[in-house]
Amino acid sequence: MDRSDKHGPRVDDELKHETEGLVRGGHSTRSEEWRDPEPSGEDQPDADFAPNSTLVGGVPAGLTPEGVEERSELAAHLGRHIYPAYRDQIIDRLMEENAPARLVTLVGDLPADVQYENAGELASALGLGHESERF
């Protein structure tokens, strides 16, 4: 179990217990309804961290926001266990996962005889960029 260094194990366990029902059941675990947080009123805007756009993480040096989005979508459809893989194996997995046709077309332009060891190598070969620094 992960422990916080900001407070002790007892408080960590209490916080975990308080949020467990919300995480598992998708509803509040409060026994008294008046203790639940109230939603925004009819005349109030909904709370949002990025009201005018989609909230995305930072963009590492060497990548573009579009490259990050493409890499993320590829990774979501391919998973980690496909590597090492050749172009045809990657295309087969994309087809199995019902990936968008643009991703299949993008990968289809790669050479058939090159083996990709990980998602970073695949992204670089596709021209999506590569992080210049890891940490």
N, C-alpha and C. Protein backbone atom coordinates (compact mmCIF):
# COMPACT_ATOMS: atom_id res chain seq x y z
N MET A 1 0.84 -1.17 0.00
CA MET A 1 0.00 0.00 0.00
C MET A 1 0.88 1.23 0.00
N ASP A 2 0.53 2.22 -0.80
CA ASP A 2 1.29 3.46 -0.83
C ASP A 2 0.98 4.28 0.41
N ARG A 3 2.00 4.86 0.96
CA ARG A 3 1.85 5.70 2.13
C ARG A 3 2.30 7.11 1.80
N SER A 4 1.64 8.07 2.39
CA SER A 4 1.99 9.46 2.20
C SER A 4 3.08 9.84 3.19
N ASP A 5 3.91 10.79 2.81
CA ASP A 5 4.92 11.28 3.74
C ASP A 5 4.47 12.57 4.39
N LYS A 6 3.22 13.00 4.14
CA LYS A 6 2.71 14.23 4.72
C LYS A 6 1.98 13.98 6.04
N HIS A 7 1.50 12.77 6.24
CA HIS A 7 0.86 12.42 7.50
C HIS A 7 1.05 10.93 7.74
N GLY A 8 0.59 10.47 8.84
CA GLY A 8 0.87 9.10 9.25
C GLY A 8 -0.03 8.05 8.63
N PRO A 9 0.28 6.78 8.90
CA PRO A 9 -0.49 5.66 8.36
C PRO A 9 -1.95 5.67 8.80
N ARG A 10 -2.23 6.12 10.01
CA ARG A 10 -3.60 6.14 10.50
C ARG A 10 -4.47 7.07 9.65
N VAL A 11 -3.96 8.26 9.35
CA VAL A 11 -4.71 9.22 8.53
C VAL A 11 -4.84 8.70 7.11
N ASP A 12 -3.79 8.06 6.59
CA ASP A 12 -3.87 7.46 5.25
C ASP A 12 -5.00 6.44 5.19
N ASP A 13 -5.10 5.59 6.21
CA ASP A 13 -6.14 4.58 6.25
C ASP A 13 -7.53 5.21 6.36
N GLU A 14 -7.67 6.28 7.14
CA GLU A 14 -8.95 6.97 7.26
C GLU A 14 -9.36 7.58 5.92
N LEU A 15 -8.43 8.20 5.24
CA LEU A 15 -8.74 8.81 3.94
C LEU A 15 -9.12 7.74 2.91
N LYS A 16 -8.42 6.62 2.95
CA LYS A 16 -8.74 5.52 2.03
C LYS A 16 -10.15 5.00 2.30
N HIS A 17 -10.49 4.85 3.57
CA HIS A 17 -11.81 4.36 3.95
C HIS A 17 -12.91 5.33 3.51
N GLU A 18 -12.67 6.63 3.65
CA GLU A 18 -13.66 7.63 3.28
C GLU A 18 -13.96 7.63 1.79
N THR A 19 -12.97 7.35 0.97
CA THR A 19 -13.18 7.42 -0.48
C THR A 19 -13.44 6.07 -1.13
N GLU A 20 -13.35 4.99 -0.38
CA GLU A 20 -13.49 3.66 -0.96
C GLU A 20 -14.85 3.45 -1.62
N GLY A 21 -15.94 3.86 -0.98
CA GLY A 21 -17.26 3.68 -1.56
C GLY A 21 -17.45 4.50 -2.82
N LEU A 22 -16.90 5.70 -2.82
CA LEU A 22 -16.99 6.55 -4.00
C LEU A 22 -16.25 5.93 -5.18
N VAL A 23 -15.06 5.38 -4.91
CA VAL A 23 -14.25 4.78 -5.96
C VAL A 23 -14.90 3.49 -6.47
N ARG A 24 -15.37 2.66 -5.57
CA ARG A 24 -15.94 1.37 -5.98
C ARG A 24 -17.36 1.48 -6.51
N GLY A 25 -18.18 2.26 -5.82
CA GLY A 25 -19.60 2.28 -6.16
C GLY A 25 -20.03 3.44 -7.01
N GLY A 26 -19.21 4.46 -7.11
CA GLY A 26 -19.58 5.61 -7.91
C GLY A 26 -20.61 6.50 -7.24
N HIS A 27 -20.80 6.35 -5.93
CA HIS A 27 -21.73 7.22 -5.21
C HIS A 27 -21.14 7.57 -3.85
N SER A 28 -21.72 8.53 -3.22
CA SER A 28 -21.22 9.00 -1.95
C SER A 28 -21.36 7.94 -0.87
N THR A 29 -20.47 7.98 0.10
CA THR A 29 -20.54 7.03 1.21
C THR A 29 -21.03 7.68 2.50
N ARG A 30 -21.46 8.91 2.40
CA ARG A 30 -21.94 9.63 3.59
C ARG A 30 -23.29 9.06 4.03
N SER A 31 -23.45 8.89 5.33
CA SER A 31 -24.72 8.37 5.83
C SER A 31 -25.77 9.47 5.92
N GLU A 32 -25.33 10.71 6.11
CA GLU A 32 -26.26 11.84 6.16
C GLU A 32 -26.17 12.60 4.84
N GLU A 33 -27.31 12.77 4.21
CA GLU A 33 -27.33 13.44 2.92
C GLU A 33 -26.80 14.86 2.99
N TRP A 34 -27.01 15.53 4.11
CA TRP A 34 -26.57 16.91 4.23
C TRP A 34 -25.05 17.06 4.23
N ARG A 35 -24.32 15.96 4.39
CA ARG A 35 -22.87 16.03 4.37
C ARG A 35 -22.28 15.94 2.96
N ASP A 36 -23.10 15.55 1.98
CA ASP A 36 -22.63 15.45 0.60
C ASP A 36 -22.38 16.85 0.02
N PRO A 37 -21.38 16.99 -0.81
CA PRO A 37 -21.18 18.27 -1.47
C PRO A 37 -22.34 18.56 -2.42
N GLU A 38 -22.74 19.81 -2.49
CA GLU A 38 -23.86 20.18 -3.35
C GLU A 38 -23.38 20.45 -4.77
N PRO A 39 -24.18 20.07 -5.75
CA PRO A 39 -23.81 20.38 -7.14
C PRO A 39 -24.00 21.87 -7.42
N SER A 40 -23.51 22.31 -8.56
CA SER A 40 -23.69 23.70 -8.96
C SER A 40 -25.17 24.00 -9.09
N GLY A 41 -25.56 25.22 -8.73
CA GLY A 41 -26.96 25.63 -8.84
C GLY A 41 -27.34 25.88 -10.29
N GLU A 42 -28.65 26.07 -10.52
CA GLU A 42 -29.13 26.29 -11.88
C GLU A 42 -28.56 27.54 -12.50
N ASP A 43 -28.32 28.57 -11.69
CA ASP A 43 -27.81 29.83 -12.21
C ASP A 43 -26.28 29.93 -12.11
N GLN A 44 -25.62 28.84 -11.76
CA GLN A 44 -24.17 28.84 -11.61
C GLN A 44 -23.54 27.92 -12.66
N PRO A 45 -22.36 28.28 -13.14
CA PRO A 45 -21.69 27.41 -14.12
C PRO A 45 -21.15 26.16 -13.45
N ASP A 46 -21.02 25.10 -14.22
CA ASP A 46 -20.41 23.87 -13.70
C ASP A 46 -18.93 24.12 -13.44
N ALA A 47 -18.41 23.53 -12.39
CA ALA A 47 -16.99 23.66 -12.08
C ALA A 47 -16.20 22.84 -13.09
N ASP A 48 -15.15 23.44 -13.62
CA ASP A 48 -14.33 22.77 -14.62
C ASP A 48 -12.93 23.35 -14.56
N PHE A 49 -11.92 22.48 -14.62
CA PHE A 49 -10.53 22.94 -14.59
C PHE A 49 -10.12 23.59 -15.90
N ALA A 50 -10.74 23.19 -17.00
CA ALA A 50 -10.43 23.75 -18.31
C ALA A 50 -11.74 24.05 -19.03
N PRO A 51 -12.42 25.15 -18.67
CA PRO A 51 -13.76 25.39 -19.20
C PRO A 51 -13.84 25.59 -20.71
N ASN A 52 -12.80 26.12 -21.33
CA ASN A 52 -12.86 26.40 -22.76
C ASN A 52 -12.11 25.39 -23.62
N SER A 53 -11.59 24.33 -23.01
CA SER A 53 -10.84 23.35 -23.77
C SER A 53 -10.80 22.03 -23.02
N THR A 54 -10.13 21.06 -23.62
CA THR A 54 -9.94 19.76 -23.00
C THR A 54 -8.71 19.83 -22.12
N LEU A 55 -8.82 19.33 -20.92
CA LEU A 55 -7.70 19.34 -20.00
C LEU A 55 -6.73 18.23 -20.39
N VAL A 56 -5.50 18.59 -20.70
CA VAL A 56 -4.48 17.62 -21.06
C VAL A 56 -3.24 17.89 -20.23
N GLY A 57 -2.38 16.90 -20.14
CA GLY A 57 -1.14 17.05 -19.39
C GLY A 57 -0.14 17.89 -20.15
N GLY A 58 1.02 18.04 -19.57
CA GLY A 58 2.07 18.80 -20.20
C GLY A 58 2.63 18.09 -21.42
N VAL A 59 3.35 18.83 -22.22
CA VAL A 59 3.94 18.28 -23.43
C VAL A 59 5.45 18.21 -23.22
N PRO A 60 6.03 17.02 -23.24
CA PRO A 60 7.48 16.89 -23.04
C PRO A 60 8.26 17.58 -24.15
N ALA A 61 9.47 18.00 -23.83
CA ALA A 61 10.34 18.61 -24.82
C ALA A 61 10.59 17.61 -25.95
N GLY A 62 10.51 18.08 -27.18
CA GLY A 62 10.70 17.22 -28.34
C GLY A 62 9.42 16.72 -28.96
N LEU A 63 8.28 17.00 -28.32
CA LEU A 63 6.98 16.55 -28.84
C LEU A 63 6.06 17.75 -29.06
N THR A 64 5.04 17.52 -29.85
CA THR A 64 3.99 18.52 -30.03
C THR A 64 2.72 18.00 -29.34
N PRO A 65 1.77 18.88 -29.05
CA PRO A 65 0.52 18.39 -28.46
C PRO A 65 -0.18 17.36 -29.34
N GLU A 66 -0.11 17.55 -30.66
CA GLU A 66 -0.73 16.59 -31.58
C GLU A 66 -0.01 15.24 -31.52
N GLY A 67 1.32 15.29 -31.41
CA GLY A 67 2.11 14.06 -31.30
C GLY A 67 1.79 13.30 -30.03
N VAL A 68 1.61 14.04 -28.94
CA VAL A 68 1.25 13.40 -27.67
C VAL A 68 -0.10 12.73 -27.79
N GLU A 69 -1.05 13.40 -28.42
CA GLU A 69 -2.39 12.83 -28.58
C GLU A 69 -2.36 11.58 -29.45
N GLU A 70 -1.61 11.62 -30.57
CA GLU A 70 -1.51 10.45 -31.45
C GLU A 70 -0.84 9.28 -30.74
N ARG A 71 0.25 9.57 -30.03
CA ARG A 71 0.94 8.51 -29.28
C ARG A 71 0.03 7.89 -28.24
N SER A 72 -0.72 8.72 -27.56
CA SER A 72 -1.63 8.23 -26.53
C SER A 72 -2.71 7.33 -27.12
N GLU A 73 -3.25 7.74 -28.26
CA GLU A 73 -4.28 6.94 -28.90
C GLU A 73 -3.72 5.61 -29.41
N LEU A 74 -2.53 5.65 -29.98
CA LEU A 74 -1.89 4.41 -30.41
C LEU A 74 -1.66 3.47 -29.23
N ALA A 75 -1.13 4.02 -28.14
CA ALA A 75 -0.84 3.21 -26.96
C ALA A 75 -2.12 2.61 -26.38
N ALA A 76 -3.21 3.35 -26.40
CA ALA A 76 -4.47 2.85 -25.87
C ALA A 76 -4.96 1.64 -26.67
N HIS A 77 -4.73 1.65 -27.97
CA HIS A 77 -5.18 0.54 -28.81
C HIS A 77 -4.19 -0.62 -28.84
N LEU A 78 -2.91 -0.34 -28.68
CA LEU A 78 -1.90 -1.39 -28.81
C LEU A 78 -1.57 -2.08 -27.49
N GLY A 79 -1.51 -1.34 -26.41
CA GLY A 79 -1.09 -1.92 -25.13
C GLY A 79 0.42 -2.13 -25.08
N ARG A 80 0.91 -2.64 -23.98
CA ARG A 80 2.35 -2.82 -23.80
C ARG A 80 2.85 -4.18 -24.25
N HIS A 81 1.98 -5.15 -24.27
CA HIS A 81 2.42 -6.53 -24.46
C HIS A 81 2.62 -6.93 -25.91
N ILE A 82 2.38 -6.02 -26.82
CA ILE A 82 2.55 -6.34 -28.23
C ILE A 82 4.02 -6.31 -28.65
N TYR A 83 4.82 -5.53 -27.95
CA TYR A 83 6.22 -5.32 -28.35
C TYR A 83 7.11 -6.45 -27.88
N PRO A 84 8.16 -6.76 -28.64
CA PRO A 84 8.55 -6.24 -29.95
C PRO A 84 7.60 -6.73 -31.03
N ALA A 85 7.39 -5.87 -32.06
CA ALA A 85 6.42 -6.21 -33.10
C ALA A 85 6.82 -5.61 -34.43
N TYR A 86 6.40 -6.28 -35.48
CA TYR A 86 6.57 -5.79 -36.85
C TYR A 86 5.31 -5.05 -37.27
N ARG A 87 5.41 -4.34 -38.39
CA ARG A 87 4.30 -3.53 -38.89
C ARG A 87 3.01 -4.33 -39.01
N ASP A 88 3.07 -5.51 -39.59
CA ASP A 88 1.84 -6.28 -39.82
C ASP A 88 1.19 -6.72 -38.50
N GLN A 89 2.00 -7.03 -37.50
CA GLN A 89 1.45 -7.38 -36.19
C GLN A 89 0.75 -6.18 -35.56
N ILE A 90 1.35 -5.00 -35.73
CA ILE A 90 0.76 -3.78 -35.18
C ILE A 90 -0.56 -3.47 -35.88
N ILE A 91 -0.58 -3.62 -37.19
CA ILE A 91 -1.82 -3.37 -37.94
C ILE A 91 -2.91 -4.36 -37.52
N ASP A 92 -2.54 -5.63 -37.36
CA ASP A 92 -3.52 -6.63 -36.92
C ASP A 92 -4.12 -6.26 -35.57
N ARG A 93 -3.28 -5.80 -34.63
CA ARG A 93 -3.78 -5.42 -33.31
C ARG A 93 -4.69 -4.21 -33.41
N LEU A 94 -4.31 -3.23 -34.22
CA LEU A 94 -5.16 -2.05 -34.40
C LEU A 94 -6.52 -2.44 -34.97
N MET A 95 -6.52 -3.37 -35.90
CA MET A 95 -7.78 -3.83 -36.48
C MET A 95 -8.63 -4.57 -35.43
N GLU A 96 -7.99 -5.41 -34.61
CA GLU A 96 -8.70 -6.14 -33.56
C GLU A 96 -9.34 -5.17 -32.57
N GLU A 97 -8.64 -4.07 -32.29
CA GLU A 97 -9.11 -3.09 -31.30
C GLU A 97 -10.04 -2.04 -31.90
N ASN A 98 -10.40 -2.19 -33.18
CA ASN A 98 -11.28 -1.24 -33.86
C ASN A 98 -10.73 0.18 -33.80
N ALA A 99 -9.45 0.30 -34.04
CA ALA A 99 -8.80 1.61 -34.04
C ALA A 99 -9.26 2.40 -35.26
N PRO A 100 -9.20 3.73 -35.18
CA PRO A 100 -9.58 4.55 -36.34
C PRO A 100 -8.74 4.21 -37.57
N ALA A 101 -9.34 4.34 -38.73
CA ALA A 101 -8.66 4.00 -39.99
C ALA A 101 -7.41 4.85 -40.20
N ARG A 102 -7.41 6.08 -39.69
CA ARG A 102 -6.24 6.94 -39.88
C ARG A 102 -5.02 6.37 -39.19
N LEU A 103 -5.20 5.69 -38.04
CA LEU A 103 -4.06 5.06 -37.35
C LEU A 103 -3.55 3.87 -38.14
N VAL A 104 -4.47 3.08 -38.68
CA VAL A 104 -4.08 1.92 -39.49
C VAL A 104 -3.31 2.39 -40.72
N THR A 105 -3.80 3.45 -41.36
CA THR A 105 -3.13 4.00 -42.54
C THR A 105 -1.76 4.54 -42.18
N LEU A 106 -1.66 5.22 -41.04
CA LEU A 106 -0.40 5.79 -40.58
C LEU A 106 0.64 4.69 -40.38
N VAL A 107 0.26 3.60 -39.71
CA VAL A 107 1.18 2.49 -39.47
C VAL A 107 1.45 1.73 -40.76
N GLY A 108 0.48 1.69 -41.67
CA GLY A 108 0.64 0.98 -42.93
C GLY A 108 1.75 1.54 -43.81
N ASP A 109 2.13 2.79 -43.59
CA ASP A 109 3.20 3.41 -44.37
C ASP A 109 4.60 3.03 -43.89
N LEU A 110 4.69 2.29 -42.79
CA LEU A 110 5.99 1.89 -42.25
C LEU A 110 6.56 0.71 -43.04
N PRO A 111 7.89 0.53 -43.02
CA PRO A 111 8.48 -0.64 -43.68
C PRO A 111 8.09 -1.93 -42.96
N ALA A 112 7.87 -2.99 -43.72
CA ALA A 112 7.39 -4.26 -43.15
C ALA A 112 8.48 -5.05 -42.43
N ASP A 113 9.75 -4.81 -42.73
CA ASP A 113 10.81 -5.65 -42.18
C ASP A 113 11.49 -5.07 -40.94
N VAL A 114 10.97 -4.01 -40.39
CA VAL A 114 11.57 -3.39 -39.20
C VAL A 114 10.78 -3.81 -37.97
N GLN A 115 11.51 -4.22 -36.93
CA GLN A 115 10.87 -4.61 -35.67
C GLN A 115 10.96 -3.44 -34.70
N TYR A 116 9.84 -3.09 -34.07
CA TYR A 116 9.78 -2.00 -33.11
C TYR A 116 9.77 -2.58 -31.71
N GLU A 117 10.72 -2.13 -30.90
CA GLU A 117 10.91 -2.68 -29.56
C GLU A 117 9.96 -2.10 -28.53
N ASN A 118 9.48 -0.87 -28.76
CA ASN A 118 8.59 -0.22 -27.80
C ASN A 118 7.80 0.89 -28.48
N ALA A 119 6.91 1.52 -27.74
CA ALA A 119 6.05 2.57 -28.27
C ALA A 119 6.87 3.79 -28.71
N GLY A 120 7.97 4.07 -28.02
CA GLY A 120 8.81 5.20 -28.39
C GLY A 120 9.43 5.04 -29.76
N GLU A 121 9.92 3.84 -30.06
CA GLU A 121 10.49 3.57 -31.38
C GLU A 121 9.42 3.67 -32.46
N LEU A 122 8.24 3.17 -32.18
CA LEU A 122 7.16 3.25 -33.14
C LEU A 122 6.78 4.71 -33.40
N ALA A 123 6.65 5.48 -32.35
CA ALA A 123 6.29 6.90 -32.49
C ALA A 123 7.34 7.66 -33.29
N SER A 124 8.61 7.39 -33.03
CA SER A 124 9.68 8.05 -33.78
C SER A 124 9.61 7.68 -35.26
N ALA A 125 9.37 6.41 -35.56
CA ALA A 125 9.28 5.96 -36.95
C ALA A 125 8.08 6.59 -37.66
N LEU A 126 7.03 6.88 -36.91
CA LEU A 126 5.84 7.49 -37.49
C LEU A 126 5.97 9.01 -37.61
N GLY A 127 7.06 9.56 -37.08
CA GLY A 127 7.26 11.00 -37.15
C GLY A 127 6.48 11.78 -36.11
N LEU A 128 6.10 11.11 -35.02
CA LEU A 128 5.33 11.77 -33.97
C LEU A 128 6.22 12.44 -32.94
N GLY A 129 7.53 12.31 -33.10
CA GLY A 129 8.46 12.94 -32.17
C GLY A 129 8.93 11.97 -31.10
N HIS A 130 9.93 12.42 -30.36
CA HIS A 130 10.51 11.62 -29.30
C HIS A 130 10.99 12.57 -28.21
N GLU A 131 10.77 12.20 -26.97
CA GLU A 131 11.19 13.07 -25.87
C GLU A 131 12.69 13.29 -25.93
N SER A 132 13.11 14.54 -25.77
CA SER A 132 14.53 14.82 -25.73
C SER A 132 15.09 14.62 -24.32
N GLU A 133 14.23 14.69 -23.30
CA GLU A 133 14.61 14.43 -21.91
C GLU A 133 13.54 13.59 -21.27
N ARG A 134 13.95 12.63 -20.46
CA ARG A 134 12.97 11.78 -19.78
C ARG A 134 12.54 12.35 -18.46
N PHE A 135 13.45 12.79 -17.62
CA PHE A 135 13.08 13.31 -16.30
C PHE A 135 13.95 14.47 -15.94
